[in-house]
Amino acid sequence: MQRLRGSGSSIFRYLRFKGKAQNSWAAVQDTYFSTKDIFERHRVVFTVGTSIASVATACVGYSLRHLHETRVDQRLESIEKAMRKNHGIEHSEIKNIVDSGSLSLPAFIATAGTTLIIGYGLGWRGGRLYAHRQIRREQTKFMGQIKQKVGKYLGR
């Protein structure tokens, strides 16, 4: 008798745990679907909001870069003045030492090629595959819903 009571209570605990797990999973699904619904209903707002955020980020980045370049120029000018004063080096000689005006064709080709490979690998192919997967998921989901409804009407 004791053995039956023990096994019965463990079955009861299992069913109670299973019910709690199902309730938790249902709550997670409800949260996911409600969040997804909100994003889909407010797609335009999110699109405009992200566009504005992107423009603001670009403006802040440009301003910070400009500030940094200004500080670097000031520092270079102070170094140039110190070199002129201490060593008698002229501006043209300093420019020859720095030689920042040249553009290397091999460096340009390597950078463009790397960018193209990475952009193609991560951008175009990934975007196309992602879109096709989404379309396939929606199609199979839709076909599953149709089969369920047809099955209900046919009594299966």
N, C-alpha and C. Protein backbone atom coordinates (compact mmCIF):
# COMPACT_ATOMS: atom_id res chain seq x y z
N MET A 1 0.82 -1.20 0.00
CA MET A 1 0.00 0.00 0.00
C MET A 1 0.86 1.26 0.00
N GLN A 2 1.92 1.21 0.83
CA GLN A 2 2.82 2.36 0.91
C GLN A 2 3.48 2.60 -0.45
N ARG A 3 3.79 1.52 -1.12
CA ARG A 3 4.42 1.63 -2.41
C ARG A 3 3.51 2.33 -3.42
N LEU A 4 2.26 2.05 -3.41
CA LEU A 4 1.31 2.69 -4.32
C LEU A 4 1.15 4.17 -4.00
N ARG A 5 1.12 4.48 -2.73
CA ARG A 5 1.01 5.89 -2.36
C ARG A 5 2.22 6.67 -2.84
N GLY A 6 3.40 6.09 -2.69
CA GLY A 6 4.62 6.76 -3.12
C GLY A 6 4.63 6.99 -4.62
N SER A 7 4.26 5.98 -5.38
CA SER A 7 4.27 6.14 -6.83
C SER A 7 3.16 7.07 -7.28
N GLY A 8 2.03 7.06 -6.59
CA GLY A 8 0.94 7.98 -6.95
C GLY A 8 1.33 9.42 -6.72
N SER A 9 2.03 9.68 -5.63
CA SER A 9 2.42 11.07 -5.37
C SER A 9 3.48 11.53 -6.35
N SER A 10 4.36 10.61 -6.79
CA SER A 10 5.36 11.02 -7.77
C SER A 10 4.70 11.30 -9.13
N ILE A 11 3.67 10.55 -9.46
CA ILE A 11 2.94 10.82 -10.70
C ILE A 11 2.23 12.17 -10.59
N PHE A 12 1.66 12.43 -9.42
CA PHE A 12 0.99 13.71 -9.21
C PHE A 12 2.00 14.86 -9.32
N ARG A 13 3.20 14.67 -8.72
CA ARG A 13 4.24 15.70 -8.82
C ARG A 13 4.66 15.89 -10.27
N TYR A 14 4.80 14.80 -11.01
CA TYR A 14 5.19 14.88 -12.41
C TYR A 14 4.15 15.65 -13.22
N LEU A 15 2.86 15.33 -13.00
CA LEU A 15 1.80 16.02 -13.73
C LEU A 15 1.75 17.49 -13.36
N ARG A 16 1.96 17.78 -12.08
CA ARG A 16 1.96 19.18 -11.64
C ARG A 16 3.14 19.92 -12.27
N PHE A 17 4.32 19.27 -12.28
CA PHE A 17 5.50 19.88 -12.90
C PHE A 17 5.28 20.08 -14.40
N LYS A 18 4.69 19.09 -15.04
CA LYS A 18 4.42 19.17 -16.48
C LYS A 18 3.46 20.33 -16.76
N GLY A 19 2.45 20.48 -15.93
CA GLY A 19 1.50 21.58 -16.10
C GLY A 19 2.17 22.93 -15.93
N LYS A 20 3.06 23.03 -14.93
CA LYS A 20 3.77 24.29 -14.72
C LYS A 20 4.69 24.58 -15.90
N ALA A 21 5.35 23.54 -16.40
CA ALA A 21 6.24 23.72 -17.55
C ALA A 21 5.44 24.17 -18.78
N GLN A 22 4.28 23.58 -18.99
CA GLN A 22 3.45 23.98 -20.12
C GLN A 22 2.96 25.41 -19.96
N ASN A 23 2.58 25.79 -18.75
CA ASN A 23 2.16 27.17 -18.50
C ASN A 23 3.30 28.15 -18.74
N SER A 24 4.49 27.78 -18.29
CA SER A 24 5.65 28.65 -18.51
C SER A 24 5.95 28.79 -19.99
N TRP A 25 5.91 27.67 -20.72
CA TRP A 25 6.17 27.72 -22.15
C TRP A 25 5.10 28.54 -22.87
N ALA A 26 3.86 28.42 -22.45
CA ALA A 26 2.78 29.20 -23.04
C ALA A 26 3.00 30.69 -22.78
N ALA A 27 3.48 31.03 -21.58
CA ALA A 27 3.75 32.43 -21.26
C ALA A 27 4.88 32.98 -22.13
N VAL A 28 5.91 32.17 -22.34
CA VAL A 28 7.02 32.60 -23.21
C VAL A 28 6.52 32.82 -24.63
N GLN A 29 5.72 31.89 -25.12
CA GLN A 29 5.18 32.02 -26.47
C GLN A 29 4.29 33.26 -26.59
N ASP A 30 3.44 33.49 -25.59
CA ASP A 30 2.57 34.67 -25.62
C ASP A 30 3.40 35.95 -25.66
N THR A 31 4.45 35.99 -24.85
CA THR A 31 5.32 37.17 -24.84
C THR A 31 5.98 37.36 -26.19
N TYR A 32 6.49 36.28 -26.77
CA TYR A 32 7.14 36.37 -28.08
C TYR A 32 6.16 36.87 -29.14
N PHE A 33 4.99 36.26 -29.20
CA PHE A 33 4.03 36.65 -30.24
C PHE A 33 3.50 38.06 -30.04
N SER A 34 3.30 38.48 -28.79
CA SER A 34 2.83 39.86 -28.58
C SER A 34 3.91 40.85 -28.96
N THR A 35 5.17 40.54 -28.65
CA THR A 35 6.27 41.42 -29.05
C THR A 35 6.39 41.47 -30.56
N LYS A 36 6.29 40.32 -31.21
CA LYS A 36 6.35 40.26 -32.66
C LYS A 36 5.21 41.06 -33.28
N ASP A 37 4.02 40.94 -32.70
CA ASP A 37 2.86 41.68 -33.20
C ASP A 37 3.06 43.19 -33.07
N ILE A 38 3.61 43.60 -31.94
CA ILE A 38 3.88 45.04 -31.74
C ILE A 38 4.87 45.54 -32.77
N PHE A 39 5.94 44.78 -33.01
CA PHE A 39 6.93 45.20 -34.01
C PHE A 39 6.31 45.25 -35.39
N GLU A 40 5.46 44.30 -35.74
CA GLU A 40 4.86 44.30 -37.06
C GLU A 40 3.85 45.43 -37.24
N ARG A 41 3.11 45.74 -36.18
CA ARG A 41 2.13 46.82 -36.29
C ARG A 41 2.81 48.19 -36.34
N HIS A 42 3.96 48.31 -35.70
CA HIS A 42 4.66 49.60 -35.64
C HIS A 42 5.92 49.59 -36.50
N ARG A 43 5.90 48.85 -37.57
CA ARG A 43 7.07 48.71 -38.44
C ARG A 43 7.53 50.06 -38.97
N VAL A 44 6.61 50.90 -39.40
CA VAL A 44 6.97 52.20 -39.95
C VAL A 44 7.63 53.07 -38.88
N VAL A 45 7.08 53.05 -37.69
CA VAL A 45 7.65 53.85 -36.60
C VAL A 45 9.07 53.38 -36.30
N PHE A 46 9.27 52.06 -36.23
CA PHE A 46 10.61 51.55 -35.96
C PHE A 46 11.56 51.86 -37.09
N THR A 47 11.08 51.80 -38.33
CA THR A 47 11.93 52.10 -39.47
C THR A 47 12.37 53.56 -39.44
N VAL A 48 11.43 54.46 -39.22
CA VAL A 48 11.76 55.88 -39.15
C VAL A 48 12.67 56.14 -37.93
N GLY A 49 12.35 55.52 -36.82
CA GLY A 49 13.16 55.71 -35.62
C GLY A 49 14.59 55.25 -35.81
N THR A 50 14.77 54.08 -36.44
CA THR A 50 16.13 53.61 -36.67
C THR A 50 16.85 54.47 -37.70
N SER A 51 16.12 55.01 -38.67
CA SER A 51 16.74 55.91 -39.63
C SER A 51 17.22 57.19 -38.94
N ILE A 52 16.40 57.74 -38.08
CA ILE A 52 16.80 58.94 -37.34
C ILE A 52 17.98 58.64 -36.43
N ALA A 53 17.95 57.49 -35.76
CA ALA A 53 19.07 57.10 -34.90
C ALA A 53 20.35 56.92 -35.72
N SER A 54 20.23 56.38 -36.92
CA SER A 54 21.39 56.21 -37.78
C SER A 54 21.98 57.55 -38.19
N VAL A 55 21.12 58.48 -38.56
CA VAL A 55 21.59 59.82 -38.94
C VAL A 55 22.25 60.51 -37.74
N ALA A 56 21.64 60.39 -36.58
CA ALA A 56 22.22 61.00 -35.38
C ALA A 56 23.57 60.39 -35.05
N THR A 57 23.68 59.08 -35.18
CA THR A 57 24.95 58.41 -34.92
C THR A 57 26.02 58.87 -35.91
N ALA A 58 25.64 59.02 -37.17
CA ALA A 58 26.59 59.49 -38.18
C ALA A 58 27.05 60.91 -37.86
N CYS A 59 26.11 61.77 -37.44
CA CYS A 59 26.48 63.15 -37.09
C CYS A 59 27.44 63.18 -35.90
N VAL A 60 27.14 62.39 -34.89
CA VAL A 60 28.01 62.36 -33.71
C VAL A 60 29.38 61.81 -34.09
N GLY A 61 29.40 60.75 -34.89
CA GLY A 61 30.68 60.18 -35.34
C GLY A 61 31.49 61.17 -36.15
N TYR A 62 30.82 61.88 -37.06
CA TYR A 62 31.52 62.89 -37.86
C TYR A 62 32.07 63.99 -36.97
N SER A 63 31.27 64.45 -36.02
CA SER A 63 31.72 65.52 -35.12
C SER A 63 32.92 65.07 -34.29
N LEU A 64 32.87 63.86 -33.76
CA LEU A 64 34.00 63.35 -32.98
C LEU A 64 35.25 63.19 -33.84
N ARG A 65 35.07 62.71 -35.06
CA ARG A 65 36.22 62.57 -35.96
C ARG A 65 36.82 63.93 -36.29
N HIS A 66 35.97 64.92 -36.54
CA HIS A 66 36.45 66.27 -36.84
C HIS A 66 37.20 66.85 -35.64
N LEU A 67 36.67 66.65 -34.44
CA LEU A 67 37.34 67.12 -33.23
C LEU A 67 38.70 66.44 -33.08
N HIS A 68 38.75 65.14 -33.32
CA HIS A 68 40.01 64.40 -33.22
C HIS A 68 41.03 64.91 -34.24
N GLU A 69 40.58 65.12 -35.49
CA GLU A 69 41.49 65.62 -36.53
C GLU A 69 42.02 67.01 -36.17
N THR A 70 41.17 67.85 -35.60
CA THR A 70 41.59 69.18 -35.19
C THR A 70 42.68 69.09 -34.11
N ARG A 71 42.48 68.23 -33.15
CA ARG A 71 43.47 68.06 -32.08
C ARG A 71 44.78 67.48 -32.62
N VAL A 72 44.68 66.54 -33.55
CA VAL A 72 45.89 65.97 -34.16
C VAL A 72 46.64 67.05 -34.94
N ASP A 73 45.92 67.86 -35.71
CA ASP A 73 46.56 68.95 -36.46
C ASP A 73 47.26 69.93 -35.53
N GLN A 74 46.61 70.30 -34.43
CA GLN A 74 47.22 71.21 -33.46
C GLN A 74 48.50 70.60 -32.88
N ARG A 75 48.46 69.32 -32.57
CA ARG A 75 49.63 68.64 -32.00
C ARG A 75 50.76 68.58 -33.03
N LEU A 76 50.42 68.28 -34.29
CA LEU A 76 51.45 68.24 -35.33
C LEU A 76 52.07 69.61 -35.56
N GLU A 77 51.25 70.65 -35.52
CA GLU A 77 51.78 72.01 -35.67
C GLU A 77 52.74 72.35 -34.54
N SER A 78 52.39 71.96 -33.31
CA SER A 78 53.28 72.24 -32.18
C SER A 78 54.59 71.45 -32.31
N ILE A 79 54.52 70.22 -32.82
CA ILE A 79 55.74 69.43 -33.04
C ILE A 79 56.59 70.08 -34.13
N GLU A 80 55.92 70.53 -35.20
CA GLU A 80 56.64 71.19 -36.29
C GLU A 80 57.33 72.46 -35.81
N LYS A 81 56.65 73.26 -35.00
CA LYS A 81 57.26 74.49 -34.45
C LYS A 81 58.46 74.15 -33.58
N ALA A 82 58.33 73.12 -32.76
CA ALA A 82 59.45 72.73 -31.90
C ALA A 82 60.64 72.25 -32.72
N MET A 83 60.38 71.52 -33.81
CA MET A 83 61.47 71.04 -34.66
C MET A 83 62.15 72.19 -35.38
N ARG A 84 61.35 73.15 -35.87
CA ARG A 84 61.92 74.32 -36.54
C ARG A 84 62.79 75.12 -35.59
N LYS A 85 62.29 75.30 -34.39
CA LYS A 85 63.00 76.12 -33.41
C LYS A 85 64.29 75.42 -32.95
N ASN A 86 64.24 74.13 -32.71
CA ASN A 86 65.39 73.42 -32.17
C ASN A 86 66.39 72.95 -33.23
N HIS A 87 65.89 72.56 -34.42
CA HIS A 87 66.77 71.95 -35.41
C HIS A 87 66.86 72.72 -36.71
N GLY A 88 66.09 73.75 -36.89
CA GLY A 88 66.15 74.55 -38.11
C GLY A 88 65.61 73.83 -39.33
N ILE A 89 64.67 72.93 -39.17
CA ILE A 89 64.09 72.20 -40.29
C ILE A 89 62.93 73.01 -40.86
N GLU A 90 62.87 73.13 -42.19
CA GLU A 90 61.80 73.88 -42.85
C GLU A 90 60.58 73.00 -43.10
N HIS A 91 59.47 73.65 -43.45
CA HIS A 91 58.20 72.94 -43.68
C HIS A 91 58.30 71.92 -44.81
N SER A 92 58.99 72.26 -45.89
CA SER A 92 59.10 71.34 -47.02
C SER A 92 59.88 70.09 -46.63
N GLU A 93 60.90 70.24 -45.80
CA GLU A 93 61.68 69.08 -45.35
C GLU A 93 60.82 68.17 -44.46
N ILE A 94 59.99 68.78 -43.62
CA ILE A 94 59.10 67.99 -42.76
C ILE A 94 58.09 67.25 -43.62
N LYS A 95 57.59 67.92 -44.66
CA LYS A 95 56.62 67.28 -45.55
C LYS A 95 57.24 66.08 -46.26
N ASN A 96 58.49 66.19 -46.65
CA ASN A 96 59.19 65.06 -47.28
C ASN A 96 59.37 63.91 -46.31
N ILE A 97 59.58 64.22 -45.04
CA ILE A 97 59.74 63.17 -44.03
C ILE A 97 58.42 62.43 -43.84
N VAL A 98 57.33 63.18 -43.70
CA VAL A 98 56.02 62.59 -43.44
C VAL A 98 55.47 61.90 -44.68
N ASP A 99 55.50 62.57 -45.85
CA ASP A 99 55.03 62.03 -47.12
C ASP A 99 53.67 61.36 -47.01
N SER A 100 52.67 62.11 -46.55
CA SER A 100 51.33 61.55 -46.36
C SER A 100 50.43 61.71 -47.57
N GLY A 101 50.92 62.29 -48.65
CA GLY A 101 50.06 62.59 -49.78
C GLY A 101 49.96 61.49 -50.82
N SER A 102 50.71 60.41 -50.71
CA SER A 102 50.71 59.39 -51.76
C SER A 102 49.63 58.35 -51.52
N LEU A 103 49.11 57.80 -52.62
CA LEU A 103 48.10 56.75 -52.56
C LEU A 103 48.70 55.51 -53.21
N SER A 104 48.68 54.42 -52.49
CA SER A 104 49.27 53.18 -53.00
C SER A 104 48.20 52.37 -53.72
N LEU A 105 48.43 52.09 -55.00
CA LEU A 105 47.48 51.32 -55.80
C LEU A 105 47.33 49.89 -55.28
N PRO A 106 48.41 49.19 -54.92
CA PRO A 106 48.23 47.84 -54.37
C PRO A 106 47.42 47.83 -53.07
N ALA A 107 47.64 48.84 -52.21
CA ALA A 107 46.87 48.92 -50.96
C ALA A 107 45.39 49.16 -51.28
N PHE A 108 45.12 50.01 -52.27
CA PHE A 108 43.75 50.30 -52.66
C PHE A 108 43.07 49.04 -53.20
N ILE A 109 43.75 48.28 -54.06
CA ILE A 109 43.18 47.06 -54.64
C ILE A 109 42.94 46.01 -53.56
N ALA A 110 43.90 45.87 -52.64
CA ALA A 110 43.73 44.89 -51.56
C ALA A 110 42.55 45.26 -50.67
N THR A 111 42.40 46.52 -50.33
CA THR A 111 41.29 46.96 -49.49
C THR A 111 39.95 46.77 -50.20
N ALA A 112 39.88 47.15 -51.47
CA ALA A 112 38.64 47.00 -52.23
C ALA A 112 38.28 45.53 -52.40
N GLY A 113 39.27 44.69 -52.68
CA GLY A 113 39.01 43.26 -52.84
C GLY A 113 38.52 42.61 -51.56
N THR A 114 39.18 42.95 -50.45
CA THR A 114 38.76 42.40 -49.16
C THR A 114 37.35 42.84 -48.82
N THR A 115 37.05 44.10 -49.04
CA THR A 115 35.71 44.63 -48.77
C THR A 115 34.67 43.93 -49.63
N LEU A 116 34.99 43.71 -50.88
CA LEU A 116 34.06 43.03 -51.78
C LEU A 116 33.80 41.60 -51.33
N ILE A 117 34.85 40.89 -50.96
CA ILE A 117 34.69 39.50 -50.54
C ILE A 117 33.88 39.42 -49.26
N ILE A 118 34.23 40.24 -48.28
CA ILE A 118 33.50 40.22 -47.01
C ILE A 118 32.05 40.69 -47.22
N GLY A 119 31.86 41.73 -48.00
CA GLY A 119 30.51 42.22 -48.27
C GLY A 119 29.66 41.19 -48.96
N TYR A 120 30.23 40.49 -49.93
CA TYR A 120 29.46 39.46 -50.63
C TYR A 120 29.17 38.29 -49.70
N GLY A 121 30.18 37.88 -48.96
CA GLY A 121 30.01 36.73 -48.07
C GLY A 121 29.00 36.97 -46.97
N LEU A 122 29.02 38.15 -46.39
CA LEU A 122 28.14 38.43 -45.26
C LEU A 122 26.84 39.12 -45.66
N GLY A 123 26.88 39.90 -46.68
CA GLY A 123 25.72 40.72 -47.02
C GLY A 123 24.77 40.09 -47.99
N TRP A 124 25.16 40.04 -49.25
CA TRP A 124 24.23 39.64 -50.30
C TRP A 124 23.78 38.20 -50.14
N ARG A 125 24.72 37.29 -49.99
CA ARG A 125 24.34 35.88 -49.88
C ARG A 125 23.53 35.63 -48.63
N GLY A 126 23.98 36.17 -47.49
CA GLY A 126 23.27 35.95 -46.23
C GLY A 126 21.86 36.52 -46.27
N GLY A 127 21.72 37.68 -46.87
CA GLY A 127 20.40 38.30 -46.95
C GLY A 127 19.45 37.50 -47.82
N ARG A 128 19.95 37.00 -48.94
CA ARG A 128 19.11 36.22 -49.84
C ARG A 128 18.70 34.90 -49.19
N LEU A 129 19.67 34.22 -48.56
CA LEU A 129 19.36 32.95 -47.90
C LEU A 129 18.35 33.16 -46.78
N TYR A 130 18.54 34.22 -46.01
CA TYR A 130 17.63 34.51 -44.91
C TYR A 130 16.22 34.74 -45.44
N ALA A 131 16.10 35.51 -46.51
CA ALA A 131 14.78 35.80 -47.08
C ALA A 131 14.12 34.52 -47.59
N HIS A 132 14.89 33.67 -48.27
CA HIS A 132 14.31 32.42 -48.77
C HIS A 132 13.87 31.51 -47.63
N ARG A 133 14.64 31.46 -46.56
CA ARG A 133 14.25 30.64 -45.40
C ARG A 133 12.95 31.16 -44.79
N GLN A 134 12.85 32.48 -44.66
CA GLN A 134 11.63 33.07 -44.10
C GLN A 134 10.43 32.74 -44.97
N ILE A 135 10.58 32.83 -46.28
CA ILE A 135 9.47 32.53 -47.20
C ILE A 135 9.07 31.07 -47.07
N ARG A 136 10.09 30.16 -47.02
CA ARG A 136 9.78 28.73 -46.88
C ARG A 136 9.06 28.45 -45.58
N ARG A 137 9.49 29.07 -44.48
CA ARG A 137 8.83 28.87 -43.18
C ARG A 137 7.38 29.30 -43.25
N GLU A 138 7.14 30.46 -43.82
CA GLU A 138 5.77 30.97 -43.92
C GLU A 138 4.92 30.06 -44.80
N GLN A 139 5.50 29.57 -45.89
CA GLN A 139 4.75 28.67 -46.77
C GLN A 139 4.40 27.37 -46.07
N THR A 140 5.36 26.78 -45.36
CA THR A 140 5.07 25.51 -44.66
C THR A 140 4.08 25.74 -43.54
N LYS A 141 4.19 26.87 -42.86
CA LYS A 141 3.23 27.18 -41.79
C LYS A 141 1.83 27.33 -42.38
N PHE A 142 1.74 28.03 -43.50
CA PHE A 142 0.46 28.23 -44.15
C PHE A 142 -0.12 26.91 -44.64
N MET A 143 0.72 26.06 -45.23
CA MET A 143 0.25 24.76 -45.70
C MET A 143 -0.19 23.88 -44.53
N GLY A 144 0.50 23.97 -43.40
CA GLY A 144 0.10 23.22 -42.22
C GLY A 144 -1.25 23.66 -41.71
N GLN A 145 -1.52 24.97 -41.75
CA GLN A 145 -2.81 25.48 -41.31
C GLN A 145 -3.92 25.01 -42.24
N ILE A 146 -3.63 25.00 -43.53
CA ILE A 146 -4.64 24.54 -44.49
C ILE A 146 -4.95 23.06 -44.25
N LYS A 147 -3.91 22.25 -44.04
CA LYS A 147 -4.12 20.81 -43.80
C LYS A 147 -4.93 20.59 -42.54
N GLN A 148 -4.67 21.38 -41.50
CA GLN A 148 -5.42 21.23 -40.26
C GLN A 148 -6.89 21.55 -40.48
N LYS A 149 -7.17 22.63 -41.21
CA LYS A 149 -8.56 23.03 -41.44
C LYS A 149 -9.28 22.02 -42.32
N VAL A 150 -8.59 21.51 -43.35
CA VAL A 150 -9.19 20.51 -44.23
C VAL A 150 -9.45 19.25 -43.41
N GLY A 151 -8.51 18.88 -42.54
CA GLY A 151 -8.68 17.71 -41.69
C GLY A 151 -9.88 17.86 -40.77
N LYS A 152 -10.11 19.06 -40.24
CA LYS A 152 -11.26 19.30 -39.35
C LYS A 152 -12.57 19.13 -40.12
N TYR A 153 -12.58 19.66 -41.35
CA TYR A 153 -13.80 19.58 -42.15
C TYR A 153 -14.08 18.14 -42.59
N LEU A 154 -13.05 17.36 -42.81
CA LEU A 154 -13.24 15.98 -43.24
C LEU A 154 -13.41 15.03 -42.07
N GLY A 155 -13.24 15.54 -40.86
CA GLY A 155 -13.46 14.73 -39.67
C GLY A 155 -12.25 13.89 -39.30
N ARG A 156 -11.08 14.32 -39.64
CA ARG A 156 -9.86 13.55 -39.30
C ARG A 156 -9.22 14.09 -38.06
